[in-house]
C-alpha atoms as a PDB file:
ATOM      1  CA  MET A   1       0.032  -0.145   0.182  1.00  0.00           C
ATOM      2  CA  ASP A   2       1.083   3.341  -0.810  1.00  0.00           C
ATOM      3  CA  LEU A   3       0.698   6.377   1.258  1.00  0.00           C
ATOM      4  CA  THR A   4      -2.225   7.998  -0.371  1.00  0.00           C
ATOM      5  CA  THR A   5      -4.065   4.855   0.220  1.00  0.00           C
ATOM      6  CA  CYS A   6      -3.242   4.452   3.902  1.00  0.00           C
ATOM      7  CA  SER A   7      -4.290   8.264   4.563  1.00  0.00           C
ATOM      8  CA  ALA A   8      -7.226   7.645   2.652  1.00  0.00           C
ATOM      9  CA  ILE A   9      -8.236   4.688   4.698  1.00  0.00           C
ATOM     10  CA  SER A  10      -7.605   6.476   7.930  1.00  0.00           C
ATOM     11  CA  ILE A  11      -9.598   9.519   6.783  1.00  0.00           C
ATOM     12  CA  LEU A  12     -12.435   7.184   5.921  1.00  0.00           C
ATOM     13  CA  LYS A  13     -12.055   5.399   9.480  1.00  0.00           C
ATOM     14  CA  LYS A  14     -12.246   8.926  11.161  1.00  0.00           C
ATOM     15  CA  ARG A  15     -15.320   9.811   9.175  1.00  0.00           C
ATOM     16  CA  HIS A  16     -17.159   6.518  10.091  1.00  0.00           C
ATOM     17  CA  THR A  17     -16.092   6.648  13.682  1.00  0.00           C
ATOM     18  CA  ALA A  18     -17.274  10.372  13.973  1.00  0.00           C
ATOM     19  CA  LEU A  19     -20.701   9.306  12.435  1.00  0.00           C
ATOM     20  CA  GLY A  20     -21.021   6.481  14.497  1.00  0.00           C
ATOM     21  CA  LEU A  21     -20.505   3.784  11.860  1.00  0.00           C
ATOM     22  CA  LEU A  22     -17.612   2.124  13.634  1.00  0.00           C
ATOM     23  CA  PRO A  23     -17.163   1.432  17.479  1.00  0.00           C
ATOM     24  CA  ARG A  24     -14.988   3.509  19.332  1.00  0.00           C
ATOM     25  CA  ALA A  25     -11.949   1.997  21.010  1.00  0.00           C
ATOM     26  CA  GLY A  26     -13.664   1.478  24.683  1.00  0.00           C
ATOM     27  CA  PRO A  27     -16.755   2.984  26.768  1.00  0.00           C
ATOM     28  CA  THR A  28     -16.774   6.737  27.297  1.00  0.00           C
ATOM     29  CA  GLU A  29     -18.185   8.757  30.093  1.00  0.00           C
ATOM     30  CA  LYS A  30     -21.203   9.314  28.089  1.00  0.00           C
ATOM     31  CA  ASP A  31     -21.908   5.522  27.862  1.00  0.00           C
ATOM     32  CA  ASP A  32     -21.270   4.913  31.527  1.00  0.00           C
ATOM     33  CA  PHE A  33     -23.801   7.815  32.281  1.00  0.00           C
ATOM     34  CA  MET A  34     -26.365   6.134  29.917  1.00  0.00           C
ATOM     35  CA  ARG A  35     -25.983   2.699  31.630  1.00  0.00           C
ATOM     36  CA  PHE A  36     -26.463   4.507  34.983  1.00  0.00           C
ATOM     37  CA  LEU A  37     -29.583   6.268  33.736  1.00  0.00           C
ATOM     38  CA  ALA A  38     -31.277   3.109  32.538  1.00  0.00           C
ATOM     39  CA  ARG A  39     -30.766   1.390  35.633  1.00  0.00           C
ATOM     40  CA  ILE A  40     -32.305   4.355  37.398  1.00  0.00           C
ATOM     41  CA  LEU A  41     -35.035   4.294  35.337  1.00  0.00           C
ATOM     42  CA  LEU A  42     -35.404   0.708  35.549  1.00  0.00           C
ATOM     43  CA  LEU A  43     -35.474   0.860  39.278  1.00  0.00           C
ATOM     44  CA  ALA A  44     -38.125   3.625  39.120  1.00  0.00           C
ATOM     45  CA  ALA A  45     -40.224   1.513  36.591  1.00  0.00           C
ATOM     46  CA  LEU A  46     -40.066  -1.716  38.940  1.00  0.00           C
ATOM     47  CA  LEU A  47     -41.176   0.499  42.176  1.00  0.00           C
ATOM     48  CA  LEU A  48     -44.178   2.125  40.353  1.00  0.00           C
ATOM     49  CA  ILE A  49     -45.346  -1.215  39.216  1.00  0.00           C
ATOM     50  CA  ALA A  50     -44.637  -2.735  42.602  1.00  0.00           C
ATOM     51  CA  TRP A  51     -46.085   0.038  44.966  1.00  0.00           C
ATOM     52  CA  PRO A  52     -49.862  -0.971  44.918  1.00  0.00           C
ATOM     53  CA  VAL A  53     -48.849  -4.482  46.044  1.00  0.00           C
ATOM     54  CA  LEU A  54     -46.454  -3.432  48.610  1.00  0.00           C
ATOM     55  CA  SER A  55     -48.955  -1.143  49.894  1.00  0.00           C
ATOM     56  CA  GLN A  56     -52.030  -3.296  49.845  1.00  0.00           C
ATOM     57  CA  GLU A  57     -53.508  -4.217  53.187  1.00  0.00           C
ATOM     58  CA  LEU A  58     -54.073  -7.534  54.011  1.00  0.00           C
ATOM     59  CA  PRO A  59     -57.829  -8.627  53.791  1.00  0.00           C
ATOM     60  CA  HIS A  60     -57.921  -9.996  57.282  1.00  0.00           C
ATOM     61  CA  ALA A  61     -58.031  -6.593  59.131  1.00  0.00           C
ATOM     62  CA  GLU A  62     -60.729  -5.242  56.330  1.00  0.00           C
ATOM     63  CA  PHE A  63     -62.907  -8.329  56.750  1.00  0.00           C
ATOM     64  CA  ALA A  64     -63.037  -7.908  60.580  1.00  0.00           C
ATOM     65  CA  ARG A  65     -63.640  -4.188  60.520  1.00  0.00           C
ATOM     66  CA  GLY A  66     -66.876  -5.158  57.981  1.00  0.00           C
ATOM     67  CA  LEU A  67     -68.118  -7.625  60.819  1.00  0.00           C
ATOM     68  CA  ARG A  68     -67.827  -4.941  63.322  1.00  0.00           C
ATOM     69  CA  ALA A  69     -69.395  -2.412  61.262  1.00  0.00           C
ATOM     70  CA  LYS A  70     -72.493  -4.834  60.699  1.00  0.00           C
ATOM     71  CA  GLN A  71     -72.721  -5.048  64.371  1.00  0.00           C
ATOM     72  CA  TYR A  72     -71.044  -8.480  64.334  1.00  0.00           C
ATOM     73  CA  PRO A  73     -68.294  -7.786  66.835  1.00  0.00           C
ATOM     74  CA  ASP A  74     -68.102 -11.138  68.359  1.00  0.00           C
ATOM     75  CA  LEU A  75     -67.637 -12.997  65.076  1.00  0.00           C
ATOM     76  CA  ALA A  76     -64.822 -10.420  64.250  1.00  0.00           C
ATOM     77  CA  LEU A  77     -62.861 -11.325  67.401  1.00  0.00           C
ATOM     78  CA  ASP A  78     -63.304 -15.269  66.569  1.00  0.00           C
ATOM     79  CA  TYR A  79     -62.114 -14.469  63.002  1.00  0.00           C
ATOM     80  CA  LEU A  80     -59.209 -12.294  64.171  1.00  0.00           C
ATOM     81  CA  LEU A  81     -58.304 -15.145  66.779  1.00  0.00           C
ATOM     82  CA  LYS A  82     -58.508 -17.857  64.254  1.00  0.00           C
ATOM     83  CA  VAL A  83     -56.357 -15.975  61.674  1.00  0.00           C
ATOM     84  CA  LYS A  84     -53.775 -15.484  64.670  1.00  0.00           C
ATOM     85  CA  LYS A  85     -53.713 -18.995  65.360  1.00  0.00           C
ATOM     86  CA  ASP A  86     -53.321 -20.040  62.012  1.00  0.00           C
ATOM     87  CA  GLY A  87     -50.279 -18.026  61.396  1.00  0.00           C
ATOM     88  CA  GLY A  88     -51.689 -15.159  59.467  1.00  0.00           C
ATOM     89  CA  GLY A  89     -51.021 -12.613  62.406  1.00  0.00           C
ATOM     90  CA  ASP A  90     -47.179 -13.152  61.383  1.00  0.00           C
ATOM     91  CA  LYS A  91     -47.628 -11.015  58.189  1.00  0.00           C
ATOM     92  CA  ASP A  92     -49.745  -8.366  59.349  1.00  0.00           C
ATOM     93  CA  PRO A  93     -48.593  -6.820  62.761  1.00  0.00           C
ATOM     94  CA  THR A  94     -51.674  -4.566  62.659  1.00  0.00           C
ATOM     95  CA  LEU A  95     -53.995  -7.414  63.502  1.00  0.00           C
ATOM     96  CA  LEU A  96     -52.780  -7.559  67.026  1.00  0.00           C
ATOM     97  CA  LEU A  97     -54.227  -3.934  67.391  1.00  0.00           C
ATOM     98  CA  GLU A  98     -57.637  -5.005  66.029  1.00  0.00           C
END
């Protein structure tokens, strides 16, 4: 190869690299920032999806409140004691307050 061919090839490589057609030598700060931003957005999306599930109240307390509202406090107490005995109270510490 002569000198003009080598210089023409290097010029084309520089142009293609500048246009994004050829990969660069390694990751840049912009690539690192984009990865960081993608992770943050993924975490935010997961939290938005999981938020209703995490904040959902267990149905035991709601059912007991409904029984008390319909003037059946003795049935509500029996139900809460049964749930506590079966191990459902371990998941919801507010059942102890009911």
